C-alpha atoms as a PDB file:
ATOM      1  CA  MET A   1    -169.521  95.488  26.266  1.00  0.00           C
ATOM      2  CA  LYS A   2    -169.110  91.386  26.450  1.00  0.00           C
ATOM      3  CA  TYR A   3    -167.039  89.323  23.920  1.00  0.00           C
ATOM      4  CA  ILE A   4    -167.123  85.558  23.576  1.00  0.00           C
ATOM      5  CA  ILE A   5    -163.511  84.293  22.572  1.00  0.00           C
ATOM      6  CA  ASP A   6    -163.123  80.562  20.939  1.00  0.00           C
ATOM      7  CA  ILE A   7    -160.152  79.285  22.062  1.00  0.00           C
ATOM      8  CA  ASP A   8    -159.035  75.627  21.595  1.00  0.00           C
ATOM      9  CA  ILE A   9    -156.601  74.451  24.425  1.00  0.00           C
ATOM     10  CA  PRO A  10    -154.986  71.340  24.836  1.00  0.00           C
ATOM     11  CA  LYS A  11    -156.031  69.185  27.631  1.00  0.00           C
ATOM     12  CA  GLY A  12    -152.439  69.347  29.285  1.00  0.00           C
ATOM     13  CA  LYS A  13    -152.672  73.056  29.440  1.00  0.00           C
ATOM     14  CA  ILE A  14    -156.212  73.591  30.659  1.00  0.00           C
ATOM     15  CA  ASP A  15    -155.609  74.645  34.281  1.00  0.00           C
ATOM     16  CA  PHE A  16    -152.467  76.995  33.145  1.00  0.00           C
ATOM     17  CA  ALA A  17    -155.046  78.952  30.710  1.00  0.00           C
ATOM     18  CA  GLU A  18    -157.835  79.068  33.230  1.00  0.00           C
ATOM     19  CA  ASP A  19    -155.329  80.542  35.674  1.00  0.00           C
ATOM     20  CA  PHE A  20    -153.936  83.022  32.897  1.00  0.00           C
ATOM     21  CA  PHE A  21    -157.502  84.377  32.135  1.00  0.00           C
ATOM     22  CA  LYS A  22    -158.604  84.532  35.745  1.00  0.00           C
ATOM     23  CA  SER A  23    -155.530  86.800  36.558  1.00  0.00           C
ATOM     24  CA  ILE A  24    -156.551  89.448  33.863  1.00  0.00           C
ATOM     25  CA  SER A  25    -158.388  92.390  35.684  1.00  0.00           C
ATOM     26  CA  PHE A  26    -161.473  92.669  33.364  1.00  0.00           C
ATOM     27  CA  VAL A  27    -162.068  88.874  32.553  1.00  0.00           C
ATOM     28  CA  LYS A  28    -164.960  88.440  34.841  1.00  0.00           C
ATOM     29  CA  ASN A  29    -166.074  84.639  33.803  1.00  0.00           C
ATOM     30  CA  ILE A  30    -164.423  81.661  32.494  1.00  0.00           C
ATOM     31  CA  LYS A  31    -166.529  78.593  31.232  1.00  0.00           C
ATOM     32  CA  ALA A  32    -165.459  75.742  29.209  1.00  0.00           C
ATOM     33  CA  ILE A  33    -167.992  74.817  26.608  1.00  0.00           C
ATOM     34  CA  ARG A  34    -168.893  71.281  25.425  1.00  0.00           C
ATOM     35  CA  ASN A  35    -168.605  70.513  21.822  1.00  0.00           C
ATOM     36  CA  ASN A  36    -172.631  69.950  21.403  1.00  0.00           C
ATOM     37  CA  GLU A  37    -173.659  72.903  23.731  1.00  0.00           C
ATOM     38  CA  ILE A  38    -175.805  75.662  22.248  1.00  0.00           C
ATOM     39  CA  THR A  39    -174.468  78.969  23.281  1.00  0.00           C
ATOM     40  CA  ASN A  40    -176.456  81.332  20.915  1.00  0.00           C
ATOM     41  CA  ILE A  41    -178.595  83.533  23.043  1.00  0.00           C
ATOM     42  CA  ASP A  42    -181.318  84.018  20.205  1.00  0.00           C
ATOM     43  CA  ILE A  43    -181.506  80.010  19.847  1.00  0.00           C
ATOM     44  CA  LEU A  44    -181.669  79.547  23.620  1.00  0.00           C
ATOM     45  CA  HIS A  45    -184.296  81.821  23.765  1.00  0.00           C
ATOM     46  CA  SER A  46    -186.518  80.572  21.077  1.00  0.00           C
ATOM     47  CA  ILE A  47    -186.162  77.187  22.857  1.00  0.00           C
ATOM     48  CA  GLU A  48    -187.370  78.646  26.108  1.00  0.00           C
ATOM     49  CA  GLU A  49    -190.266  80.014  24.639  1.00  0.00           C
ATOM     50  CA  TYR A  50    -191.252  76.762  22.763  1.00  0.00           C
ATOM     51  CA  GLU A  51    -191.098  74.894  26.013  1.00  0.00           C
ATOM     52  CA  GLN A  52    -193.220  77.489  27.739  1.00  0.00           C
ATOM     53  CA  LEU A  53    -195.742  77.054  24.954  1.00  0.00           C
ATOM     54  CA  LYS A  54    -195.586  80.866  24.101  1.00  0.00           C
ATOM     55  CA  THR A  55    -194.512  79.893  20.206  1.00  0.00           C
ATOM     56  CA  ARG A  56    -195.663  77.019  18.210  1.00  0.00           C
ATOM     57  CA  ALA A  57    -193.123  75.076  15.861  1.00  0.00           C
ATOM     58  CA  THR A  58    -193.893  75.689  12.153  1.00  0.00           C
ATOM     59  CA  PRO A  59    -194.302  72.632  10.205  1.00  0.00           C
ATOM     60  CA  LEU A  60    -192.026  72.056   7.117  1.00  0.00           C
ATOM     61  CA  SER A  61    -191.550  69.493   4.418  1.00  0.00           C
ATOM     62  CA  LEU A  62    -187.824  68.349   3.639  1.00  0.00           C
ATOM     63  CA  SER A  63    -188.014  70.487   0.372  1.00  0.00           C
ATOM     64  CA  GLU A  64    -189.390  73.688   2.328  1.00  0.00           C
ATOM     65  CA  LEU A  65    -186.412  72.968   4.849  1.00  0.00           C
ATOM     66  CA  LYS A  66    -183.725  72.590   1.915  1.00  0.00           C
ATOM     67  CA  ALA A  67    -184.871  75.914   0.207  1.00  0.00           C
ATOM     68  CA  TYR A  68    -184.910  77.537   3.443  1.00  0.00           C
ATOM     69  CA  ILE A  69    -181.299  76.486   4.543  1.00  0.00           C
ATOM     70  CA  ASP A  70    -180.071  77.253   0.847  1.00  0.00           C
ATOM     71  CA  ALA A  71    -181.708  80.713   0.920  1.00  0.00           C
END
């Protein structure tokens, strides 16, 4: 099973936090995520399919998009 945990760490404590998590036997990987980085696997897969021309974008008007978001 895999968990992704979102933790805010002050800049002065980053090295300590990374060493702490690496010392836990079941923690396999530690990665800092930038504020604008996309981490949702479904979104990343969708972007990859679009870039490989496997899917096409669906054109929407702004009113349709607003209705879709508010649904």
